[in-house]
Amino acid sequence: MELLVRAIDWDPKELWDQIPFRIELLRELPGSDRTDYWLGRLPKSLCWLDGGSSFEIGYVVVSARHSGVQISPRAKNLALGLAYVIDPSQISDPELHFEKVRYVAIATADEIGDAP
């Protein structure tokens, strides 16, 4: 599946200039609080400013923001929690470790994997 993030409802401010952007969903990641987080790869890295330093983000973790909602094919106007992967070891970990990601935004996305 692939998501197109087309809006954000929260900072960081530098993210506003980078939307829309795509997320290729790689696999689900169980977390300690729920089982439906997704690891995603960004085809084009995002720039993140943190504490006066600039970082390139290549992977994210997303989850449906509302209880009972799933990230699924052809989903539209999906509210997501968006977190940057800040520790590269998270990419191969079988479960989500919250200390390896940084929650950054509430996003709105459409699933576009079936789009031409």
C-alpha atoms as a PDB file:
ATOM      1  CA  MET A   1       0.000   0.000   0.000  1.00  0.00           C
ATOM      2  CA  GLU A   2       1.026   3.573  -0.510  1.00  0.00           C
ATOM      3  CA  LEU A   3      -0.241   6.699   1.214  1.00  0.00           C
ATOM      4  CA  LEU A   4      -0.316  10.247  -0.084  1.00  0.00           C
ATOM      5  CA  VAL A   5      -0.108  12.704   2.808  1.00  0.00           C
ATOM      6  CA  ARG A   6      -1.850  15.869   1.660  1.00  0.00           C
ATOM      7  CA  ALA A   7      -2.393  17.812   4.885  1.00  0.00           C
ATOM      8  CA  ILE A   8      -1.089  18.129   8.425  1.00  0.00           C
ATOM      9  CA  ASP A   9      -2.831  19.507  11.487  1.00  0.00           C
ATOM     10  CA  TRP A  10       0.151  20.080  13.713  1.00  0.00           C
ATOM     11  CA  ASP A  11       3.800  21.164  13.592  1.00  0.00           C
ATOM     12  CA  PRO A  12       6.687  20.884  12.734  1.00  0.00           C
ATOM     13  CA  LYS A  13       6.516  24.007  10.624  1.00  0.00           C
ATOM     14  CA  GLU A  14       9.058  22.807   8.035  1.00  0.00           C
ATOM     15  CA  LEU A  15       6.755  19.898   7.195  1.00  0.00           C
ATOM     16  CA  TRP A  16       4.134  22.284   5.764  1.00  0.00           C
ATOM     17  CA  ASP A  17       6.406  23.095   2.815  1.00  0.00           C
ATOM     18  CA  GLN A  18       7.018  19.401   2.082  1.00  0.00           C
ATOM     19  CA  ILE A  19       3.435  18.239   1.578  1.00  0.00           C
ATOM     20  CA  PRO A  20       2.153  16.436  -0.307  1.00  0.00           C
ATOM     21  CA  PHE A  21       4.483  13.453   0.165  1.00  0.00           C
ATOM     22  CA  ARG A  22       4.209   9.698  -0.292  1.00  0.00           C
ATOM     23  CA  ILE A  23       4.743   6.869   2.161  1.00  0.00           C
ATOM     24  CA  GLU A  24       5.312   3.306   0.954  1.00  0.00           C
ATOM     25  CA  LEU A  25       3.933   1.079   3.699  1.00  0.00           C
ATOM     26  CA  LEU A  26       6.340  -1.804   4.300  1.00  0.00           C
ATOM     27  CA  ARG A  27       4.861  -3.815   7.169  1.00  0.00           C
ATOM     28  CA  GLU A  28       2.768  -3.633  10.293  1.00  0.00           C
ATOM     29  CA  LEU A  29       4.586  -3.121  13.582  1.00  0.00           C
ATOM     30  CA  PRO A  30       3.002  -4.185  16.840  1.00  0.00           C
ATOM     31  CA  GLY A  31       3.467  -1.700  19.661  1.00  0.00           C
ATOM     32  CA  SER A  32       3.002  -2.064  23.396  1.00  0.00           C
ATOM     33  CA  ASP A  33      -0.348  -0.244  23.201  1.00  0.00           C
ATOM     34  CA  ARG A  34      -1.751  -1.497  19.852  1.00  0.00           C
ATOM     35  CA  THR A  35      -0.859  -3.834  17.009  1.00  0.00           C
ATOM     36  CA  ASP A  36      -1.595  -1.733  13.932  1.00  0.00           C
ATOM     37  CA  TYR A  37       1.325   0.662  13.528  1.00  0.00           C
ATOM     38  CA  TRP A  38       2.936   0.663  10.074  1.00  0.00           C
ATOM     39  CA  LEU A  39       6.563   1.166   9.104  1.00  0.00           C
ATOM     40  CA  GLY A  40       6.790   3.282   5.973  1.00  0.00           C
ATOM     41  CA  ARG A  41       9.584   4.285   3.615  1.00  0.00           C
ATOM     42  CA  LEU A  42       9.638   7.769   2.127  1.00  0.00           C
ATOM     43  CA  PRO A  43      10.541   7.698  -1.595  1.00  0.00           C
ATOM     44  CA  LYS A  44      11.768  11.274  -1.093  1.00  0.00           C
ATOM     45  CA  SER A  45      13.348  12.111   2.271  1.00  0.00           C
ATOM     46  CA  LEU A  46      11.792  14.754   4.498  1.00  0.00           C
ATOM     47  CA  CYS A  47      13.809  17.493   6.169  1.00  0.00           C
ATOM     48  CA  TRP A  48      13.368  17.714   9.935  1.00  0.00           C
ATOM     49  CA  LEU A  49      14.648  20.609  12.028  1.00  0.00           C
ATOM     50  CA  ASP A  50      15.288  19.703  15.647  1.00  0.00           C
ATOM     51  CA  GLY A  51      17.171  21.766  18.189  1.00  0.00           C
ATOM     52  CA  GLY A  52      18.853  23.882  15.537  1.00  0.00           C
ATOM     53  CA  SER A  53      20.036  20.862  13.529  1.00  0.00           C
ATOM     54  CA  SER A  54      18.693  19.543  10.234  1.00  0.00           C
ATOM     55  CA  PHE A  55      18.085  15.826   9.641  1.00  0.00           C
ATOM     56  CA  GLU A  56      16.948  13.819   6.616  1.00  0.00           C
ATOM     57  CA  ILE A  57      14.136  11.411   7.446  1.00  0.00           C
ATOM     58  CA  GLY A  58      13.762   8.344   5.242  1.00  0.00           C
ATOM     59  CA  TYR A  59      11.367   6.224   7.310  1.00  0.00           C
ATOM     60  CA  VAL A  60       8.250   6.929   9.329  1.00  0.00           C
ATOM     61  CA  VAL A  61       5.777   5.082  11.509  1.00  0.00           C
ATOM     62  CA  VAL A  62       2.086   5.794  11.030  1.00  0.00           C
ATOM     63  CA  SER A  63      -1.128   4.676  12.676  1.00  0.00           C
ATOM     64  CA  ALA A  64      -4.790   5.439  12.229  1.00  0.00           C
ATOM     65  CA  ARG A  65      -5.627   8.252  14.633  1.00  0.00           C
ATOM     66  CA  HIS A  66      -9.122   7.111  15.556  1.00  0.00           C
ATOM     67  CA  SER A  67     -10.074   3.910  17.348  1.00  0.00           C
ATOM     68  CA  GLY A  68     -11.657   1.312  15.111  1.00  0.00           C
ATOM     69  CA  VAL A  69     -10.219   2.805  11.904  1.00  0.00           C
ATOM     70  CA  GLN A  70      -7.714   0.776   9.887  1.00  0.00           C
ATOM     71  CA  ILE A  71      -5.194   1.759   7.238  1.00  0.00           C
ATOM     72  CA  SER A  72      -6.527  -0.183   4.277  1.00  0.00           C
ATOM     73  CA  PRO A  73      -6.596  -0.143   0.470  1.00  0.00           C
ATOM     74  CA  ARG A  74      -8.538   2.766  -1.045  1.00  0.00           C
ATOM     75  CA  ALA A  75      -8.920   4.555   2.321  1.00  0.00           C
ATOM     76  CA  LYS A  76      -9.624   8.284   1.895  1.00  0.00           C
ATOM     77  CA  ASN A  77      -9.303  11.222   4.310  1.00  0.00           C
ATOM     78  CA  LEU A  78      -7.510   8.994   6.775  1.00  0.00           C
ATOM     79  CA  ALA A  79      -6.381  10.780   9.954  1.00  0.00           C
ATOM     80  CA  LEU A  80      -2.949   9.484  10.940  1.00  0.00           C
ATOM     81  CA  GLY A  81      -0.445   9.857  13.705  1.00  0.00           C
ATOM     82  CA  LEU A  82       2.952  10.421  12.045  1.00  0.00           C
ATOM     83  CA  ALA A  83       6.291   9.672  13.718  1.00  0.00           C
ATOM     84  CA  TYR A  84       9.797   9.968  12.294  1.00  0.00           C
ATOM     85  CA  VAL A  85      12.144   7.007  12.698  1.00  0.00           C
ATOM     86  CA  ILE A  86      15.154   8.528  14.487  1.00  0.00           C
ATOM     87  CA  ASP A  87      17.043   5.301  15.240  1.00  0.00           C
ATOM     88  CA  PRO A  88      17.837   3.229  12.120  1.00  0.00           C
ATOM     89  CA  SER A  89      17.645  -0.040  14.086  1.00  0.00           C
ATOM     90  CA  GLN A  90      13.836   0.454  14.208  1.00  0.00           C
ATOM     91  CA  ILE A  91      13.692  -0.361  10.486  1.00  0.00           C
ATOM     92  CA  SER A  92      14.553  -4.022  11.118  1.00  0.00           C
ATOM     93  CA  ASP A  93      12.985  -4.405  14.577  1.00  0.00           C
ATOM     94  CA  PRO A  94       9.966  -6.731  14.644  1.00  0.00           C
ATOM     95  CA  GLU A  95       8.025  -4.427  16.987  1.00  0.00           C
ATOM     96  CA  LEU A  96       7.743  -0.694  17.610  1.00  0.00           C
ATOM     97  CA  HIS A  97      10.070   0.857  20.184  1.00  0.00           C
ATOM     98  CA  PHE A  98       8.780   4.311  21.083  1.00  0.00           C
ATOM     99  CA  GLU A  99      12.247   5.566  22.013  1.00  0.00           C
ATOM    100  CA  LYS A 100      13.340   4.983  18.387  1.00  0.00           C
ATOM    101  CA  VAL A 101      10.707   7.258  16.847  1.00  0.00           C
ATOM    102  CA  ARG A 102       9.623  10.867  17.342  1.00  0.00           C
ATOM    103  CA  TYR A 103       5.939  11.723  17.052  1.00  0.00           C
ATOM    104  CA  VAL A 104       5.670  14.860  14.937  1.00  0.00           C
ATOM    105  CA  ALA A 105       2.255  15.436  13.401  1.00  0.00           C
ATOM    106  CA  ILE A 106      -1.345  14.577  12.786  1.00  0.00           C
ATOM    107  CA  ALA A 107      -1.710  14.011   9.048  1.00  0.00           C
ATOM    108  CA  THR A 108      -4.501  13.430   6.544  1.00  0.00           C
ATOM    109  CA  ALA A 109      -3.782  10.896   3.812  1.00  0.00           C
ATOM    110  CA  ASP A 110      -5.335   8.838   1.042  1.00  0.00           C
ATOM    111  CA  GLU A 111      -4.285   5.297   0.139  1.00  0.00           C
ATOM    112  CA  ILE A 112      -3.163   5.468  -3.500  1.00  0.00           C
ATOM    113  CA  GLY A 113      -1.602   2.039  -4.059  1.00  0.00           C
ATOM    114  CA  ASP A 114      -4.174   1.167  -6.717  1.00  0.00           C
ATOM    115  CA  ALA A 115      -3.853   4.506  -8.500  1.00  0.00           C
ATOM    116  CA  PRO A 116      -2.460   4.395 -12.055  1.00  0.00           C
END
